[in-house]
Amino acid sequence: MHKPVSQIEEFSRAIKEHAPLYEVQLTAGDIVLLGEYYEQVMAWNKRLHLVAPCPPEEFATRHVLESLLALAYLPEAAHVLDVGSGAGLPIIPCLIARSTLRATLIESSLKKTVFLREALRRAGAQERAQVVAARFEKTHAPEADSVTCRALDRFTELLPKLLEWSPQKSTLLLFGGESLREQLERAALVYQAIRIPESERRFLFITKRG
């Protein structure tokens, strides 16, 4: 009789199978840490509603591997401002996969910042990252190379404020669909749109703060 496959095994298998589609290279150690991160999100999810319920394979592709697409557009030892961090996406998978990254995670929910600090500690990234419990527009943006944003509430509405807030010359990596594209075009921004693998309507938009 076959032993049932656990959720963590399903997640890890999906990461290994789908990583080439996303042009992501991960070590065995990275996959272990990403699996622990997945388990943490699932454990906290009932209380904090970090992500919509989904099977392990979908979490691996839709959340983790999608987040890791950002790595190709981040300088090797970048300092990244992650706005509206929520479940830690995209930045925690990126911190796991690249040990030279540094990050500031900005999240307005105090309960979610407790989760983020614990997730960073478990990932061994707490020395390279800090968590700020505030709305981004109520803070002063520290110097940084890049700004990431994936699940900010009222994203398209807040885009003009995010652009104004971002450090001069920083690169913005924004995950979204056609409504975000429309906002970028309305702001007359030059941008690059990377279609997310296994998705028809989601993109990674890359633009620069002038």
N, C-alpha and C. Protein backbone atom coordinates (compact mmCIF):
# COMPACT_ATOMS: atom_id res chain seq x y z
N MET A 1 0.85 -1.20 0.00
CA MET A 1 0.00 0.00 0.00
C MET A 1 0.88 1.25 0.00
N HIS A 2 0.59 2.17 -0.92
CA HIS A 2 1.40 3.37 -1.03
C HIS A 2 1.12 4.33 0.12
N LYS A 3 2.20 4.91 0.66
CA LYS A 3 2.05 5.92 1.69
C LYS A 3 1.56 7.21 1.04
N PRO A 4 0.53 7.86 1.61
CA PRO A 4 0.04 9.11 1.02
C PRO A 4 1.16 10.16 0.96
N VAL A 5 1.15 10.94 -0.13
CA VAL A 5 2.15 11.99 -0.28
C VAL A 5 1.73 13.18 0.59
N SER A 6 2.65 13.68 1.40
CA SER A 6 2.33 14.81 2.27
C SER A 6 2.28 16.10 1.46
N GLN A 7 1.68 17.12 2.06
CA GLN A 7 1.59 18.41 1.38
C GLN A 7 2.97 19.00 1.13
N ILE A 8 3.87 18.84 2.08
CA ILE A 8 5.22 19.39 1.90
C ILE A 8 5.95 18.65 0.78
N GLU A 9 5.70 17.35 0.66
CA GLU A 9 6.31 16.59 -0.45
C GLU A 9 5.74 17.05 -1.79
N GLU A 10 4.43 17.29 -1.82
CA GLU A 10 3.81 17.79 -3.05
C GLU A 10 4.38 19.16 -3.43
N PHE A 11 4.54 20.01 -2.43
CA PHE A 11 5.08 21.34 -2.67
C PHE A 11 6.51 21.25 -3.22
N SER A 12 7.36 20.46 -2.56
CA SER A 12 8.76 20.35 -2.97
C SER A 12 8.89 19.76 -4.37
N ARG A 13 8.07 18.77 -4.65
CA ARG A 13 8.10 18.15 -5.99
C ARG A 13 7.69 19.16 -7.06
N ALA A 14 6.65 19.96 -6.76
CA ALA A 14 6.20 20.97 -7.72
C ALA A 14 7.27 22.04 -7.95
N ILE A 15 7.97 22.43 -6.90
CA ILE A 15 9.06 23.40 -7.06
C ILE A 15 10.11 22.85 -8.01
N LYS A 16 10.53 21.62 -7.80
CA LYS A 16 11.57 21.02 -8.65
C LYS A 16 11.10 20.87 -10.10
N GLU A 17 9.85 20.46 -10.28
CA GLU A 17 9.34 20.20 -11.63
C GLU A 17 9.13 21.49 -12.43
N HIS A 18 8.69 22.54 -11.77
CA HIS A 18 8.30 23.75 -12.49
C HIS A 18 9.39 24.82 -12.52
N ALA A 19 10.42 24.71 -11.68
CA ALA A 19 11.46 25.74 -11.62
C ALA A 19 12.08 26.05 -12.99
N PRO A 20 12.36 25.05 -13.85
CA PRO A 20 12.95 25.38 -15.16
C PRO A 20 12.07 26.31 -16.01
N LEU A 21 10.74 26.19 -15.90
CA LEU A 21 9.85 27.08 -16.65
C LEU A 21 10.04 28.54 -16.25
N TYR A 22 10.41 28.75 -14.99
CA TYR A 22 10.59 30.10 -14.46
C TYR A 22 12.06 30.53 -14.52
N GLU A 23 12.90 29.66 -15.10
CA GLU A 23 14.34 29.92 -15.22
C GLU A 23 14.95 30.23 -13.86
N VAL A 24 14.54 29.45 -12.87
CA VAL A 24 15.01 29.61 -11.49
C VAL A 24 15.87 28.40 -11.13
N GLN A 25 17.05 28.67 -10.58
CA GLN A 25 17.94 27.60 -10.12
C GLN A 25 17.98 27.62 -8.61
N LEU A 26 17.66 26.47 -8.00
CA LEU A 26 17.60 26.38 -6.55
C LEU A 26 18.44 25.21 -6.06
N THR A 27 19.09 25.39 -4.93
CA THR A 27 19.84 24.30 -4.31
C THR A 27 18.88 23.45 -3.49
N ALA A 28 19.36 22.28 -3.07
CA ALA A 28 18.54 21.42 -2.20
C ALA A 28 18.22 22.15 -0.90
N GLY A 29 19.19 22.92 -0.39
CA GLY A 29 18.97 23.69 0.83
C GLY A 29 17.90 24.76 0.65
N ASP A 30 17.90 25.41 -0.52
CA ASP A 30 16.86 26.41 -0.82
C ASP A 30 15.48 25.77 -0.77
N ILE A 31 15.37 24.59 -1.38
CA ILE A 31 14.06 23.92 -1.45
C ILE A 31 13.57 23.53 -0.07
N VAL A 32 14.48 23.10 0.79
CA VAL A 32 14.11 22.78 2.18
C VAL A 32 13.57 24.02 2.88
N LEU A 33 14.27 25.14 2.76
CA LEU A 33 13.84 26.38 3.41
C LEU A 33 12.53 26.90 2.82
N LEU A 34 12.36 26.78 1.52
CA LEU A 34 11.10 27.19 0.90
C LEU A 34 9.95 26.31 1.38
N GLY A 35 10.23 25.03 1.59
CA GLY A 35 9.22 24.13 2.13
C GLY A 35 8.82 24.50 3.55
N GLU A 36 9.80 24.89 4.35
CA GLU A 36 9.50 25.32 5.72
C GLU A 36 8.68 26.61 5.70
N TYR A 37 9.01 27.49 4.77
CA TYR A 37 8.25 28.73 4.62
C TYR A 37 6.80 28.42 4.23
N TYR A 38 6.62 27.51 3.29
CA TYR A 38 5.27 27.08 2.88
C TYR A 38 4.49 26.56 4.09
N GLU A 39 5.12 25.71 4.90
CA GLU A 39 4.44 25.16 6.08
C GLU A 39 4.05 26.27 7.06
N GLN A 40 4.92 27.26 7.21
CA GLN A 40 4.61 28.38 8.10
C GLN A 40 3.40 29.16 7.61
N VAL A 41 3.39 29.48 6.31
CA VAL A 41 2.25 30.22 5.76
C VAL A 41 0.96 29.45 6.01
N MET A 42 0.99 28.14 5.76
CA MET A 42 -0.22 27.33 5.95
C MET A 42 -0.65 27.31 7.42
N ALA A 43 0.33 27.26 8.33
CA ALA A 43 0.02 27.20 9.76
C ALA A 43 -0.61 28.50 10.26
N TRP A 44 -0.16 29.62 9.71
CA TRP A 44 -0.67 30.93 10.16
C TRP A 44 -1.88 31.39 9.35
N ASN A 45 -2.19 30.69 8.28
CA ASN A 45 -3.16 31.22 7.31
C ASN A 45 -4.58 31.32 7.86
N LYS A 46 -4.98 30.36 8.70
CA LYS A 46 -6.35 30.38 9.22
C LYS A 46 -6.60 31.63 10.06
N ARG A 47 -5.56 32.07 10.77
CA ARG A 47 -5.72 33.24 11.64
C ARG A 47 -5.57 34.55 10.87
N LEU A 48 -4.63 34.57 9.91
CA LEU A 48 -4.24 35.84 9.30
C LEU A 48 -4.70 36.03 7.86
N HIS A 49 -5.22 34.96 7.23
CA HIS A 49 -5.66 35.05 5.83
C HIS A 49 -4.54 35.62 4.96
N LEU A 50 -3.37 34.99 5.03
CA LEU A 50 -2.20 35.47 4.30
C LEU A 50 -2.35 35.29 2.79
N VAL A 51 -2.88 34.13 2.39
CA VAL A 51 -3.12 33.84 0.97
C VAL A 51 -4.45 33.12 0.85
N ALA A 52 -5.03 33.16 -0.34
CA ALA A 52 -6.25 32.38 -0.58
C ALA A 52 -5.91 30.90 -0.51
N PRO A 53 -6.79 30.07 0.08
CA PRO A 53 -6.51 28.63 0.15
C PRO A 53 -6.20 28.07 -1.23
N CYS A 54 -5.18 27.22 -1.31
CA CYS A 54 -4.80 26.62 -2.59
C CYS A 54 -4.01 25.34 -2.32
N PRO A 55 -3.99 24.42 -3.28
CA PRO A 55 -3.21 23.19 -3.11
C PRO A 55 -1.71 23.48 -3.15
N PRO A 56 -0.89 22.54 -2.66
CA PRO A 56 0.56 22.76 -2.58
C PRO A 56 1.20 23.13 -3.91
N GLU A 57 0.78 22.48 -4.99
CA GLU A 57 1.38 22.77 -6.29
C GLU A 57 1.10 24.20 -6.73
N GLU A 58 -0.10 24.68 -6.46
CA GLU A 58 -0.44 26.05 -6.83
C GLU A 58 0.37 27.05 -6.00
N PHE A 59 0.55 26.75 -4.71
CA PHE A 59 1.36 27.64 -3.88
C PHE A 59 2.78 27.70 -4.42
N ALA A 60 3.29 26.54 -4.85
CA ALA A 60 4.66 26.47 -5.37
C ALA A 60 4.83 27.33 -6.62
N THR A 61 3.86 27.27 -7.53
CA THR A 61 3.99 28.01 -8.79
C THR A 61 3.47 29.44 -8.68
N ARG A 62 2.23 29.57 -8.23
CA ARG A 62 1.53 30.87 -8.24
C ARG A 62 2.15 31.86 -7.26
N HIS A 63 2.72 31.33 -6.17
CA HIS A 63 3.26 32.22 -5.16
C HIS A 63 4.80 32.21 -5.11
N VAL A 64 5.39 31.04 -4.94
CA VAL A 64 6.85 31.01 -4.73
C VAL A 64 7.63 31.21 -6.02
N LEU A 65 7.38 30.40 -7.04
CA LEU A 65 8.16 30.52 -8.27
C LEU A 65 7.86 31.84 -8.98
N GLU A 66 6.61 32.28 -8.93
CA GLU A 66 6.29 33.59 -9.50
C GLU A 66 7.11 34.68 -8.81
N SER A 67 7.20 34.62 -7.48
CA SER A 67 7.98 35.60 -6.73
C SER A 67 9.45 35.59 -7.15
N LEU A 68 9.97 34.40 -7.38
CA LEU A 68 11.40 34.26 -7.71
C LEU A 68 11.75 34.81 -9.09
N LEU A 69 10.75 35.09 -9.92
CA LEU A 69 11.03 35.75 -11.21
C LEU A 69 11.74 37.09 -10.99
N ALA A 70 11.48 37.72 -9.86
CA ALA A 70 12.07 39.04 -9.59
C ALA A 70 13.59 38.98 -9.50
N LEU A 71 14.15 37.83 -9.12
CA LEU A 71 15.60 37.74 -8.91
C LEU A 71 16.40 38.16 -10.14
N ALA A 72 15.91 37.83 -11.32
CA ALA A 72 16.64 38.14 -12.55
C ALA A 72 16.78 39.65 -12.77
N TYR A 73 15.97 40.44 -12.07
CA TYR A 73 15.96 41.89 -12.28
C TYR A 73 16.42 42.65 -11.04
N LEU A 74 17.00 41.92 -10.08
CA LEU A 74 17.55 42.54 -8.88
C LEU A 74 19.07 42.47 -8.92
N PRO A 75 19.78 43.58 -8.66
CA PRO A 75 21.24 43.52 -8.57
C PRO A 75 21.67 42.48 -7.53
N GLU A 76 22.85 41.93 -7.69
CA GLU A 76 23.31 40.80 -6.87
C GLU A 76 23.16 41.05 -5.37
N ALA A 77 23.59 42.21 -4.91
CA ALA A 77 23.54 42.51 -3.47
C ALA A 77 22.59 43.67 -3.20
N ALA A 78 21.47 43.67 -3.86
CA ALA A 78 20.53 44.78 -3.79
C ALA A 78 19.93 44.94 -2.40
N HIS A 79 19.56 46.18 -2.09
CA HIS A 79 18.67 46.46 -0.97
C HIS A 79 17.29 46.68 -1.57
N VAL A 80 16.32 45.88 -1.14
CA VAL A 80 14.98 45.89 -1.72
C VAL A 80 13.97 46.40 -0.69
N LEU A 81 13.08 47.28 -1.13
CA LEU A 81 11.94 47.69 -0.31
C LEU A 81 10.74 46.88 -0.79
N ASP A 82 10.19 46.04 0.09
CA ASP A 82 9.03 45.23 -0.28
C ASP A 82 7.80 45.86 0.37
N VAL A 83 6.90 46.35 -0.46
CA VAL A 83 5.76 47.15 0.02
C VAL A 83 4.51 46.29 0.09
N GLY A 84 3.82 46.34 1.24
CA GLY A 84 2.63 45.52 1.42
C GLY A 84 2.99 44.05 1.48
N SER A 85 3.97 43.71 2.33
CA SER A 85 4.59 42.37 2.32
C SER A 85 3.59 41.24 2.58
N GLY A 86 2.62 41.44 3.48
CA GLY A 86 1.60 40.42 3.72
C GLY A 86 2.18 39.08 4.12
N ALA A 87 2.11 38.11 3.22
CA ALA A 87 2.64 36.77 3.47
C ALA A 87 4.15 36.67 3.23
N GLY A 88 4.77 37.80 2.86
CA GLY A 88 6.21 37.77 2.58
C GLY A 88 6.54 37.52 1.13
N LEU A 89 5.54 37.73 0.26
CA LEU A 89 5.72 37.51 -1.17
C LEU A 89 5.80 38.85 -1.88
N PRO A 90 6.79 39.06 -2.72
CA PRO A 90 7.77 38.10 -3.24
C PRO A 90 9.07 37.99 -2.44
N ILE A 91 9.25 38.78 -1.38
CA ILE A 91 10.60 39.00 -0.90
C ILE A 91 11.20 37.83 -0.12
N ILE A 92 10.40 37.11 0.67
CA ILE A 92 11.01 36.03 1.47
C ILE A 92 11.56 34.91 0.59
N PRO A 93 10.84 34.43 -0.43
CA PRO A 93 11.47 33.46 -1.33
C PRO A 93 12.76 33.99 -1.97
N CYS A 94 12.77 35.29 -2.31
CA CYS A 94 13.98 35.87 -2.91
C CYS A 94 15.14 35.90 -1.92
N LEU A 95 14.86 36.23 -0.66
CA LEU A 95 15.91 36.23 0.36
C LEU A 95 16.44 34.82 0.60
N ILE A 96 15.58 33.83 0.52
CA ILE A 96 16.01 32.43 0.68
C ILE A 96 16.92 32.03 -0.47
N ALA A 97 16.55 32.39 -1.68
CA ALA A 97 17.27 31.92 -2.87
C ALA A 97 18.55 32.71 -3.15
N ARG A 98 18.69 33.91 -2.56
CA ARG A 98 19.90 34.70 -2.79
C ARG A 98 20.37 35.30 -1.46
N SER A 99 21.48 34.80 -0.96
CA SER A 99 21.95 35.16 0.38
C SER A 99 22.57 36.55 0.45
N THR A 100 22.78 37.21 -0.71
CA THR A 100 23.38 38.55 -0.69
C THR A 100 22.34 39.67 -0.66
N LEU A 101 21.06 39.31 -0.81
CA LEU A 101 20.01 40.34 -0.80
C LEU A 101 19.79 40.88 0.60
N ARG A 102 19.42 42.16 0.68
CA ARG A 102 18.95 42.78 1.91
C ARG A 102 17.57 43.38 1.63
N ALA A 103 16.75 43.47 2.66
CA ALA A 103 15.39 43.93 2.40
C ALA A 103 14.79 44.67 3.59
N THR A 104 13.90 45.59 3.27
CA THR A 104 13.02 46.22 4.25
C THR A 104 11.60 45.85 3.86
N LEU A 105 10.88 45.18 4.76
CA LEU A 105 9.52 44.73 4.50
C LEU A 105 8.56 45.71 5.17
N ILE A 106 7.66 46.28 4.40
CA ILE A 106 6.73 47.29 4.92
C ILE A 106 5.32 46.71 4.87
N GLU A 107 4.71 46.57 6.06
CA GLU A 107 3.40 45.93 6.18
C GLU A 107 2.59 46.66 7.24
N SER A 108 1.36 47.04 6.90
CA SER A 108 0.54 47.84 7.81
C SER A 108 -0.15 47.02 8.90
N SER A 109 -0.33 45.71 8.67
CA SER A 109 -1.00 44.86 9.67
C SER A 109 0.00 44.39 10.73
N LEU A 110 -0.25 44.78 11.98
CA LEU A 110 0.66 44.39 13.06
C LEU A 110 0.74 42.87 13.21
N LYS A 111 -0.40 42.18 13.06
CA LYS A 111 -0.41 40.72 13.18
C LYS A 111 0.44 40.08 12.10
N LYS A 112 0.37 40.63 10.90
CA LYS A 112 1.17 40.05 9.81
C LYS A 112 2.66 40.34 10.00
N THR A 113 3.00 41.46 10.65
CA THR A 113 4.43 41.72 10.89
C THR A 113 5.00 40.72 11.88
N VAL A 114 4.19 40.22 12.81
CA VAL A 114 4.65 39.15 13.72
C VAL A 114 5.00 37.91 12.91
N PHE A 115 4.11 37.55 11.98
CA PHE A 115 4.41 36.40 11.10
C PHE A 115 5.68 36.65 10.29
N LEU A 116 5.81 37.83 9.71
CA LEU A 116 6.97 38.11 8.84
C LEU A 116 8.28 37.98 9.61
N ARG A 117 8.32 38.49 10.83
CA ARG A 117 9.56 38.39 11.61
C ARG A 117 9.90 36.94 11.92
N GLU A 118 8.88 36.14 12.23
CA GLU A 118 9.12 34.73 12.51
C GLU A 118 9.55 34.00 11.23
N ALA A 119 8.93 34.31 10.10
CA ALA A 119 9.30 33.67 8.84
C ALA A 119 10.74 34.02 8.45
N LEU A 120 11.13 35.26 8.65
CA LEU A 120 12.51 35.68 8.35
C LEU A 120 13.50 34.95 9.26
N ARG A 121 13.13 34.81 10.52
CA ARG A 121 14.01 34.10 11.46
C ARG A 121 14.19 32.64 11.04
N ARG A 122 13.08 31.99 10.69
CA ARG A 122 13.15 30.58 10.29
C ARG A 122 13.92 30.40 8.99
N ALA A 123 13.88 31.41 8.14
CA ALA A 123 14.60 31.35 6.86
C ALA A 123 16.07 31.73 7.02
N GLY A 124 16.48 32.14 8.22
CA GLY A 124 17.86 32.55 8.44
C GLY A 124 18.19 33.88 7.81
N ALA A 125 17.16 34.71 7.58
CA ALA A 125 17.36 35.99 6.89
C ALA A 125 17.14 37.19 7.80
N GLN A 126 16.98 36.96 9.09
CA GLN A 126 16.63 38.08 9.98
C GLN A 126 17.73 39.13 10.07
N GLU A 127 19.00 38.72 9.83
CA GLU A 127 20.10 39.69 9.90
C GLU A 127 20.17 40.56 8.64
N ARG A 128 19.48 40.14 7.58
CA ARG A 128 19.53 40.89 6.32
C ARG A 128 18.23 41.63 6.02
N ALA A 129 17.29 41.57 6.96
CA ALA A 129 15.98 42.17 6.69
C ALA A 129 15.40 42.79 7.94
N GLN A 130 14.64 43.85 7.75
CA GLN A 130 13.90 44.45 8.85
C GLN A 130 12.46 44.63 8.42
N VAL A 131 11.56 44.60 9.42
CA VAL A 131 10.13 44.74 9.15
C VAL A 131 9.65 46.05 9.74
N VAL A 132 8.95 46.84 8.93
CA VAL A 132 8.39 48.12 9.36
C VAL A 132 6.87 47.98 9.40
N ALA A 133 6.29 48.22 10.57
CA ALA A 133 4.84 48.09 10.74
C ALA A 133 4.18 49.44 10.47
N ALA A 134 3.86 49.69 9.23
CA ALA A 134 3.26 50.98 8.84
C ALA A 134 2.77 50.90 7.40
N ARG A 135 1.89 51.81 7.03
CA ARG A 135 1.55 51.98 5.63
C ARG A 135 2.72 52.68 4.96
N PHE A 136 3.05 52.27 3.76
CA PHE A 136 4.24 52.83 3.12
C PHE A 136 4.18 54.34 3.00
N GLU A 137 2.97 54.87 2.70
CA GLU A 137 2.86 56.31 2.47
C GLU A 137 3.02 57.12 3.76
N LYS A 138 3.02 56.43 4.91
CA LYS A 138 3.24 57.10 6.20
C LYS A 138 4.71 57.03 6.63
N THR A 139 5.56 56.48 5.79
CA THR A 139 6.98 56.33 6.11
C THR A 139 7.82 57.10 5.10
N HIS A 140 9.09 57.25 5.42
CA HIS A 140 10.05 57.81 4.48
C HIS A 140 10.83 56.64 3.88
N ALA A 141 10.87 56.54 2.57
CA ALA A 141 11.56 55.42 1.93
C ALA A 141 13.06 55.50 2.17
N PRO A 142 13.67 54.45 2.75
CA PRO A 142 15.13 54.45 2.87
C PRO A 142 15.77 54.28 1.49
N GLU A 143 17.06 54.57 1.43
CA GLU A 143 17.79 54.36 0.17
C GLU A 143 17.70 52.88 -0.21
N ALA A 144 17.44 52.62 -1.47
CA ALA A 144 17.33 51.23 -1.93
C ALA A 144 17.52 51.17 -3.42
N ASP A 145 17.89 49.99 -3.91
CA ASP A 145 18.07 49.78 -5.34
C ASP A 145 16.76 49.48 -6.04
N SER A 146 15.87 48.76 -5.31
CA SER A 146 14.67 48.24 -5.96
C SER A 146 13.48 48.29 -5.00
N VAL A 147 12.29 48.34 -5.60
CA VAL A 147 11.04 48.28 -4.85
C VAL A 147 10.22 47.14 -5.44
N THR A 148 9.73 46.24 -4.59
CA THR A 148 8.86 45.16 -5.05
C THR A 148 7.48 45.33 -4.43
N CYS A 149 6.46 44.91 -5.18
CA CYS A 149 5.10 44.99 -4.67
C CYS A 149 4.26 43.95 -5.42
N ARG A 150 3.57 43.12 -4.65
CA ARG A 150 2.82 42.04 -5.29
C ARG A 150 1.34 41.98 -4.90
N ALA A 151 1.02 42.36 -3.67
CA ALA A 151 -0.36 42.15 -3.23
C ALA A 151 -0.87 43.32 -2.39
N LEU A 152 -0.52 44.51 -2.78
CA LEU A 152 -0.95 45.69 -2.03
C LEU A 152 -2.44 45.95 -2.25
N ASP A 153 -3.17 46.18 -1.14
CA ASP A 153 -4.58 46.54 -1.28
C ASP A 153 -4.70 47.82 -2.10
N ARG A 154 -5.72 47.87 -2.97
CA ARG A 154 -5.97 49.05 -3.82
C ARG A 154 -4.71 49.43 -4.61
N PHE A 155 -4.05 48.41 -5.15
CA PHE A 155 -2.75 48.58 -5.82
C PHE A 155 -2.81 49.66 -6.89
N THR A 156 -3.74 49.51 -7.82
CA THR A 156 -3.75 50.47 -8.95
C THR A 156 -4.08 51.88 -8.47
N GLU A 157 -4.93 51.97 -7.45
CA GLU A 157 -5.28 53.30 -6.91
C GLU A 157 -4.07 53.96 -6.24
N LEU A 158 -3.24 53.13 -5.59
CA LEU A 158 -2.10 53.67 -4.84
C LEU A 158 -0.82 53.79 -5.67
N LEU A 159 -0.86 53.34 -6.91
CA LEU A 159 0.35 53.36 -7.73
C LEU A 159 0.99 54.75 -7.81
N PRO A 160 0.24 55.83 -8.06
CA PRO A 160 0.90 57.15 -8.11
C PRO A 160 1.64 57.49 -6.82
N LYS A 161 1.06 57.14 -5.66
CA LYS A 161 1.74 57.39 -4.38
C LYS A 161 2.99 56.53 -4.24
N LEU A 162 2.90 55.28 -4.70
CA LEU A 162 4.05 54.39 -4.62
C LEU A 162 5.21 54.91 -5.47
N LEU A 163 4.89 55.41 -6.66
CA LEU A 163 5.92 55.96 -7.55
C LEU A 163 6.58 57.18 -6.92
N GLU A 164 5.76 58.03 -6.33
CA GLU A 164 6.29 59.24 -5.70
C GLU A 164 7.15 58.90 -4.48
N TRP A 165 6.75 57.87 -3.75
CA TRP A 165 7.42 57.46 -2.52
C TRP A 165 8.76 56.77 -2.78
N SER A 166 8.85 56.04 -3.88
CA SER A 166 10.03 55.20 -4.15
C SER A 166 11.29 56.04 -4.29
N PRO A 167 12.45 55.49 -3.87
CA PRO A 167 13.71 56.25 -3.96
C PRO A 167 14.04 56.62 -5.41
N GLN A 168 14.68 57.77 -5.58
CA GLN A 168 15.14 58.19 -6.91
C GLN A 168 16.01 57.11 -7.53
N LYS A 169 15.81 56.88 -8.83
CA LYS A 169 16.60 55.94 -9.64
C LYS A 169 16.35 54.47 -9.28
N SER A 170 15.42 54.19 -8.39
CA SER A 170 15.17 52.79 -8.05
C SER A 170 14.37 52.11 -9.15
N THR A 171 14.50 50.79 -9.22
CA THR A 171 13.73 49.98 -10.16
C THR A 171 12.53 49.40 -9.43
N LEU A 172 11.35 49.54 -10.02
CA LEU A 172 10.13 48.99 -9.42
C LEU A 172 9.76 47.70 -10.13
N LEU A 173 9.55 46.65 -9.36
CA LEU A 173 9.13 45.33 -9.86
C LEU A 173 7.73 45.09 -9.31
N LEU A 174 6.74 45.17 -10.19
CA LEU A 174 5.34 45.17 -9.77
C LEU A 174 4.61 44.00 -10.42
N PHE A 175 3.93 43.18 -9.63
CA PHE A 175 3.20 42.02 -10.13
C PHE A 175 1.73 42.39 -10.28
N GLY A 176 1.15 42.11 -11.45
CA GLY A 176 -0.26 42.43 -11.63
C GLY A 176 -0.75 42.07 -13.02
N GLY A 177 -1.94 42.57 -13.32
CA GLY A 177 -2.57 42.27 -14.60
C GLY A 177 -2.79 43.51 -15.44
N GLU A 178 -3.83 43.45 -16.29
CA GLU A 178 -4.06 44.53 -17.25
C GLU A 178 -4.42 45.85 -16.58
N SER A 179 -5.08 45.81 -15.44
CA SER A 179 -5.44 47.07 -14.77
C SER A 179 -4.18 47.81 -14.32
N LEU A 180 -3.16 47.06 -13.89
CA LEU A 180 -1.90 47.70 -13.52
C LEU A 180 -1.19 48.25 -14.75
N ARG A 181 -1.25 47.52 -15.85
CA ARG A 181 -0.67 48.03 -17.10
C ARG A 181 -1.31 49.36 -17.49
N GLU A 182 -2.64 49.42 -17.37
CA GLU A 182 -3.35 50.66 -17.71
C GLU A 182 -2.87 51.83 -16.85
N GLN A 183 -2.65 51.56 -15.56
CA GLN A 183 -2.18 52.62 -14.67
C GLN A 183 -0.77 53.07 -15.04
N LEU A 184 0.09 52.13 -15.40
CA LEU A 184 1.45 52.48 -15.81
C LEU A 184 1.42 53.35 -17.07
N GLU A 185 0.55 53.00 -18.00
CA GLU A 185 0.44 53.78 -19.24
C GLU A 185 -0.17 55.15 -18.97
N ARG A 186 -1.12 55.20 -18.05
CA ARG A 186 -1.74 56.48 -17.69
C ARG A 186 -0.70 57.42 -17.09
N ALA A 187 0.27 56.82 -16.36
CA ALA A 187 1.34 57.62 -15.75
C ALA A 187 2.46 57.93 -16.74
N ALA A 188 2.29 57.49 -18.00
CA ALA A 188 3.27 57.73 -19.08
C ALA A 188 4.65 57.18 -18.72
N LEU A 189 4.65 55.99 -18.11
CA LEU A 189 5.91 55.36 -17.72
C LEU A 189 6.39 54.40 -18.80
N VAL A 190 7.69 54.37 -19.00
CA VAL A 190 8.30 53.34 -19.84
C VAL A 190 8.43 52.10 -18.98
N TYR A 191 7.96 50.96 -19.46
CA TYR A 191 8.01 49.75 -18.64
C TYR A 191 8.25 48.53 -19.52
N GLN A 192 8.68 47.47 -18.87
CA GLN A 192 8.83 46.17 -19.52
C GLN A 192 7.82 45.23 -18.86
N ALA A 193 7.13 44.44 -19.65
CA ALA A 193 6.15 43.49 -19.12
C ALA A 193 6.62 42.07 -19.39
N ILE A 194 6.84 41.32 -18.33
CA ILE A 194 7.27 39.92 -18.44
C ILE A 194 6.07 39.04 -18.13
N ARG A 195 5.63 38.28 -19.11
CA ARG A 195 4.49 37.39 -18.86
C ARG A 195 4.91 36.28 -17.89
N ILE A 196 4.11 36.07 -16.88
CA ILE A 196 4.42 35.05 -15.88
C ILE A 196 4.12 33.67 -16.46
N PRO A 197 5.07 32.73 -16.40
CA PRO A 197 4.83 31.38 -16.93
C PRO A 197 3.57 30.76 -16.34
N GLU A 198 2.89 29.96 -17.13
CA GLU A 198 1.68 29.25 -16.72
C GLU A 198 0.54 30.20 -16.35
N SER A 199 0.61 31.42 -16.86
CA SER A 199 -0.44 32.40 -16.60
C SER A 199 -0.68 33.21 -17.87
N GLU A 200 -1.93 33.51 -18.17
CA GLU A 200 -2.23 34.31 -19.35
C GLU A 200 -2.44 35.78 -19.02
N ARG A 201 -2.75 36.08 -17.77
CA ARG A 201 -3.19 37.42 -17.44
C ARG A 201 -2.32 38.12 -16.40
N ARG A 202 -1.28 37.45 -15.92
CA ARG A 202 -0.43 38.07 -14.91
C ARG A 202 0.95 38.36 -15.48
N PHE A 203 1.50 39.50 -15.05
CA PHE A 203 2.79 39.96 -15.55
C PHE A 203 3.64 40.48 -14.40
N LEU A 204 4.94 40.48 -14.63
CA LEU A 204 5.86 41.23 -13.81
C LEU A 204 6.20 42.48 -14.61
N PHE A 205 5.79 43.64 -14.10
CA PHE A 205 6.06 44.91 -14.75
C PHE A 205 7.29 45.54 -14.13
N ILE A 206 8.19 45.99 -14.97
CA ILE A 206 9.45 46.58 -14.50
C ILE A 206 9.53 48.01 -15.02
N THR A 207 9.69 48.96 -14.12
CA THR A 207 9.81 50.35 -14.50
C THR A 207 10.79 51.04 -13.57
N LYS A 208 11.18 52.26 -13.92
CA LYS A 208 12.15 52.99 -13.11
C LYS A 208 11.55 54.28 -12.58
N ARG A 209 11.97 54.61 -11.37
CA ARG A 209 11.63 55.91 -10.79
C ARG A 209 12.63 56.92 -11.30
N GLY A 210 12.16 57.98 -11.91
CA GLY A 210 13.05 58.97 -12.49
C GLY A 210 13.83 59.77 -11.48
